[in-house]
Amino acid sequence: MLLLLCCLAAQADPQLEAVEKGVSFPDKEAVAKASAKSEWHKKALDIVLDPKLWASSLKSIEDRTGLKAGTLEIKVTFAEIKIDNAPAAGHGRAGRGAVTLDIDKLAKNHRGADEINRLRKKGVTIVVPPAQTELAIPHELTHCFQGVDQPGWFLEGMACYVARDPNLVMAYKAAGRKTGAIDAEIPLEWTYARGWAFFEWMAAKHDVKKFCRLAIDDKKPAAEAAAEVTGLTWDEIKKA
């Protein structure tokens, strides 16, 4: 009996337990009402409300950035998001915050992704892969760990670094953008891929977890945190 209990304890998923205790999803009535709009609404909801997806997203945040929630406390709601044409939005600090899901946009995007994937199977070349519905969750959940005054490239770059949706980088590449300094003024839509590239560089060359800890936990300006981690000046970092 003792051996069985030890085996069960060893198999427990701490991230899933944290999600089950700390994530408040919309009630069954709200989910049923949204799901009834179309088959695409139901498909998108089945994906984004899966506790296992939230658990794997939480693990990705911990594995990629080193940030952990003391007590996870996230409220999930359905609402129209009017800024940036975004299908989801998240905010908070240290794992306590809120995630808003725009179900109409998620359903539309999911339908478009399915159609593009069917074309791909027929041999059509897809230059920019569609945004993946499930990757909206790790992206927005990452924002629930930030809650600091940092530049857009840092905040969105970290979220993209965790989620790793190829749609963002391929769209940037297809647009033929000239890549300048990380802190150069660029349209908001390009800060995602540009910031992600910075985090990948940091992870490949230096201690990205320390970088995140200094900028998020210690609230050091991103440029100062990067300089401390790399031993380079900010100008040298931008050139690198």
Protein backbone atom coordinates (compact mmCIF):
# COMPACT_ATOMS: atom_id res chain seq x y z
CA MET A 1 0.00 0.00 0.00
CA LEU A 2 2.81 2.39 0.91
CA LEU A 3 4.57 1.58 -2.37
CA LEU A 4 1.37 2.32 -4.31
CA LEU A 5 0.96 5.69 -2.61
CA CYS A 6 4.59 6.57 -3.35
CA CYS A 7 4.12 5.68 -7.03
CA LEU A 8 0.96 7.80 -7.28
CA ALA A 9 2.74 10.73 -5.64
CA ALA A 10 5.64 10.39 -8.07
CA GLN A 11 3.22 10.49 -11.03
CA ALA A 12 1.41 13.62 -9.83
CA ASP A 13 1.61 16.58 -12.21
CA PRO A 14 2.38 19.68 -10.10
CA GLN A 15 1.50 22.06 -12.95
CA LEU A 16 -1.86 20.37 -13.55
CA GLU A 17 -2.60 20.48 -9.83
CA ALA A 18 -1.73 24.19 -9.79
CA VAL A 19 -4.07 24.82 -12.73
CA GLU A 20 -6.94 22.86 -11.19
CA LYS A 21 -6.59 24.83 -7.97
CA GLY A 22 -5.70 28.23 -9.34
CA VAL A 23 -7.35 28.81 -12.75
CA SER A 24 -10.98 29.95 -12.72
CA PHE A 25 -12.60 29.13 -16.07
CA PRO A 26 -15.96 30.50 -17.31
CA ASP A 27 -18.94 28.54 -16.01
CA LYS A 28 -20.59 25.74 -17.99
CA GLU A 29 -23.46 27.96 -19.13
CA ALA A 30 -21.10 30.55 -20.63
CA VAL A 31 -19.04 27.83 -22.35
CA ALA A 32 -22.16 26.12 -23.75
CA LYS A 33 -23.48 29.45 -25.09
CA ALA A 34 -20.19 30.26 -26.80
CA SER A 35 -19.77 26.72 -28.16
CA ALA A 36 -23.23 26.82 -29.75
CA LYS A 37 -22.23 29.62 -32.14
CA SER A 38 -20.49 27.29 -34.59
CA GLU A 39 -18.42 24.13 -34.85
CA TRP A 40 -15.33 26.36 -34.98
CA HIS A 41 -16.25 28.03 -31.72
CA LYS A 42 -16.59 24.63 -30.08
CA LYS A 43 -13.30 23.38 -31.52
CA ALA A 44 -11.42 26.48 -30.39
CA LEU A 45 -12.97 26.32 -26.92
CA ASP A 46 -12.13 22.63 -26.53
CA ILE A 47 -8.50 23.59 -27.13
CA VAL A 48 -8.09 26.76 -25.08
CA LEU A 49 -10.05 25.54 -22.05
CA ASP A 50 -8.20 22.25 -21.70
CA PRO A 51 -6.51 22.23 -18.24
CA LYS A 52 -3.71 20.06 -19.65
CA LEU A 53 -2.84 22.82 -22.14
CA TRP A 54 -2.66 25.33 -19.29
CA ALA A 55 -0.48 22.93 -17.29
CA SER A 56 1.94 22.42 -20.19
CA SER A 57 1.97 26.20 -20.72
CA LEU A 58 2.85 26.74 -17.07
CA LYS A 59 5.67 24.21 -17.39
CA SER A 60 6.97 25.98 -20.52
CA ILE A 61 7.12 29.26 -18.60
CA GLU A 62 9.09 27.63 -15.80
CA ASP A 63 11.40 25.73 -18.16
CA ARG A 64 12.08 28.63 -20.53
CA THR A 65 12.21 31.61 -18.15
CA GLY A 66 12.68 30.13 -14.69
CA LEU A 67 9.70 32.13 -13.40
CA LYS A 68 7.35 30.30 -11.04
CA ALA A 69 4.06 31.14 -9.41
CA GLY A 70 3.90 31.19 -5.64
CA THR A 71 0.16 30.60 -5.81
CA LEU A 72 -1.40 30.47 -9.27
CA GLU A 73 -4.51 32.62 -9.40
CA ILE A 74 -5.86 33.28 -12.90
CA LYS A 75 -9.39 34.32 -13.88
CA VAL A 76 -10.38 33.43 -17.46
CA THR A 77 -13.18 35.39 -19.13
CA PHE A 78 -14.83 35.71 -22.55
CA ALA A 79 -14.97 39.20 -24.08
CA GLU A 80 -14.37 41.10 -27.29
CA ILE A 81 -10.82 42.43 -27.58
CA LYS A 82 -10.74 45.62 -29.62
CA ILE A 83 -7.01 46.37 -29.64
CA ASP A 84 -4.36 44.94 -31.99
CA ASN A 85 -6.89 42.47 -33.50
CA ALA A 86 -5.74 40.08 -30.76
CA PRO A 87 -7.69 36.85 -30.06
CA ALA A 88 -6.58 36.82 -26.42
CA ALA A 89 -5.02 39.08 -23.81
CA GLY A 90 -3.34 38.47 -20.46
CA HIS A 91 -1.97 40.54 -17.61
CA GLY A 92 -0.83 40.06 -14.04
CA ARG A 93 2.19 39.41 -11.90
CA ALA A 94 3.82 36.30 -10.41
CA GLY A 95 1.07 34.02 -11.70
CA ARG A 96 -1.82 36.11 -10.42
CA GLY A 97 -3.89 37.88 -13.04
CA ALA A 98 -6.44 37.45 -15.79
CA VAL A 99 -6.71 36.08 -19.32
CA THR A 100 -9.40 37.30 -21.70
CA LEU A 101 -10.41 35.13 -24.65
CA ASP A 102 -12.11 36.64 -27.70
CA ILE A 103 -13.97 33.51 -28.79
CA ASP A 104 -15.17 34.94 -32.11
CA LYS A 105 -11.60 35.77 -33.16
CA LEU A 106 -10.25 32.43 -31.91
CA ALA A 107 -12.93 30.57 -33.87
CA LYS A 108 -12.24 32.59 -37.02
CA ASN A 109 -8.49 32.02 -36.73
CA HIS A 110 -8.94 28.31 -36.04
CA ARG A 111 -11.16 27.89 -39.09
CA GLY A 112 -8.62 29.74 -41.23
CA ALA A 113 -5.80 27.57 -39.90
CA ASP A 114 -7.71 24.39 -40.75
CA GLU A 115 -8.34 25.63 -44.29
CA ILE A 116 -4.67 26.52 -44.79
CA ASN A 117 -3.57 23.13 -43.44
CA ARG A 118 -5.86 21.41 -45.95
CA LEU A 119 -4.23 23.41 -48.75
CA ARG A 120 -0.81 22.41 -47.45
CA LYS A 121 -1.76 18.74 -47.62
CA LYS A 122 -2.70 19.28 -51.28
CA GLY A 123 0.83 20.50 -51.99
CA VAL A 124 0.23 24.24 -51.84
CA THR A 125 3.28 26.11 -50.50
CA ILE A 126 2.45 28.12 -47.40
CA VAL A 127 4.95 30.92 -46.82
CA VAL A 128 3.48 32.06 -43.49
CA PRO A 129 2.01 29.28 -41.35
CA PRO A 130 -1.25 30.17 -39.58
CA ALA A 131 -1.25 31.11 -35.91
CA GLN A 132 -1.80 28.03 -33.78
CA THR A 133 -4.83 28.30 -31.50
CA GLU A 134 -3.25 26.41 -28.62
CA LEU A 135 -0.23 28.74 -28.51
CA ALA A 136 -2.40 31.66 -27.43
CA ILE A 137 -2.47 30.18 -23.92
CA PRO A 138 1.29 30.00 -23.14
CA HIS A 139 1.67 33.47 -24.66
CA GLU A 140 -1.03 35.12 -22.56
CA LEU A 141 -0.21 33.13 -19.43
CA THR A 142 3.35 34.47 -19.66
CA HIS A 143 1.95 38.00 -19.46
CA CYS A 144 0.39 36.99 -16.12
CA PHE A 145 3.92 36.59 -14.75
CA GLN A 146 5.28 39.96 -15.86
CA GLY A 147 3.52 42.99 -14.43
CA VAL A 148 6.57 45.22 -14.81
CA ASP A 149 7.40 48.40 -16.70
CA GLN A 150 9.51 47.06 -19.56
CA PRO A 151 9.62 47.88 -23.30
CA GLY A 152 7.23 46.14 -25.67
CA TRP A 153 9.96 44.08 -27.32
CA PHE A 154 10.81 42.59 -23.92
CA LEU A 155 7.26 41.81 -22.78
CA GLU A 156 6.05 40.42 -26.10
CA GLY A 157 9.41 38.84 -26.87
CA MET A 158 9.30 36.81 -23.67
CA ALA A 159 5.73 35.67 -24.34
CA CYS A 160 6.68 34.63 -27.89
CA TYR A 161 9.82 32.91 -26.62
CA VAL A 162 7.65 30.76 -24.36
CA ALA A 163 4.89 30.05 -26.91
CA ARG A 164 7.11 29.66 -30.01
CA ASP A 165 4.46 30.27 -32.67
CA PRO A 166 6.26 30.22 -36.06
CA ASN A 167 3.54 32.42 -37.56
CA LEU A 168 5.10 35.51 -35.99
CA VAL A 169 8.65 35.04 -37.23
CA MET A 170 7.62 33.87 -40.70
CA ALA A 171 5.30 36.86 -41.11
CA TYR A 172 8.19 39.15 -40.17
CA LYS A 173 10.48 37.40 -42.62
CA ALA A 174 7.92 37.42 -45.44
CA ALA A 175 7.41 41.15 -44.99
CA GLY A 176 11.07 41.69 -45.82
CA ARG A 177 11.67 43.85 -42.77
CA LYS A 178 15.16 45.19 -42.25
CA THR A 179 16.24 44.14 -38.76
CA GLY A 180 17.65 47.11 -36.88
CA ALA A 181 18.58 47.69 -33.24
CA ILE A 182 16.36 45.96 -30.70
CA ASP A 183 15.26 49.28 -29.20
CA ALA A 184 14.57 50.98 -32.54
CA GLU A 185 11.08 52.36 -33.11
CA ILE A 186 9.12 49.80 -35.12
CA PRO A 187 5.39 49.09 -35.60
CA LEU A 188 3.84 47.14 -32.72
CA GLU A 189 3.06 44.14 -34.93
CA TRP A 190 6.79 43.53 -35.48
CA THR A 191 7.86 43.76 -31.85
CA TYR A 192 6.72 40.17 -31.31
CA ALA A 193 9.15 38.48 -33.69
CA ARG A 194 11.88 41.04 -33.01
CA GLY A 195 11.68 40.55 -29.25
CA TRP A 196 11.51 36.77 -29.62
CA ALA A 197 14.75 36.84 -31.62
CA PHE A 198 16.43 38.72 -28.78
CA PHE A 199 15.37 36.09 -26.24
CA GLU A 200 16.56 33.26 -28.48
CA TRP A 201 19.92 35.01 -28.79
CA MET A 202 20.09 35.44 -25.03
CA ALA A 203 19.22 31.76 -24.47
CA ALA A 204 21.83 30.60 -26.98
CA LYS A 205 24.67 32.79 -25.72
CA HIS A 206 23.94 33.66 -22.10
CA ASP A 207 21.76 32.94 -19.05
CA VAL A 208 18.25 33.79 -20.21
CA LYS A 209 16.68 32.73 -16.90
CA LYS A 210 18.86 35.17 -14.98
CA PHE A 211 17.92 37.83 -17.52
CA CYS A 212 14.22 37.18 -16.86
CA ARG A 213 14.72 37.12 -13.11
CA LEU A 214 16.57 40.44 -13.05
CA ALA A 215 14.04 42.15 -15.31
CA ILE A 216 10.88 40.66 -13.77
CA ASP A 217 11.62 39.85 -10.13
CA ASP A 218 14.16 42.62 -9.50
CA LYS A 219 12.46 45.05 -11.92
CA LYS A 220 15.74 46.16 -13.47
CA PRO A 221 15.39 47.90 -16.86
CA ALA A 222 15.80 45.33 -19.63
CA ALA A 223 18.95 46.99 -20.97
CA GLU A 224 20.59 46.94 -17.53
CA ALA A 225 19.55 43.34 -16.91
CA ALA A 226 20.99 42.30 -20.28
CA ALA A 227 24.26 44.11 -19.59
CA GLU A 228 24.61 42.43 -16.19
CA VAL A 229 24.01 38.97 -17.63
CA THR A 230 26.23 39.33 -20.69
CA GLY A 231 29.02 41.53 -19.34
CA LEU A 232 28.60 43.73 -22.42
CA THR A 233 27.48 47.32 -22.78
CA TRP A 234 24.01 47.92 -24.21
CA ASP A 235 25.55 49.23 -27.46
CA GLU A 236 27.65 46.04 -27.76
CA ILE A 237 24.56 43.92 -27.10
CA LYS A 238 22.60 45.68 -29.83
CA LYS A 239 25.40 45.07 -32.33
CA ALA A 240 25.58 41.40 -31.31
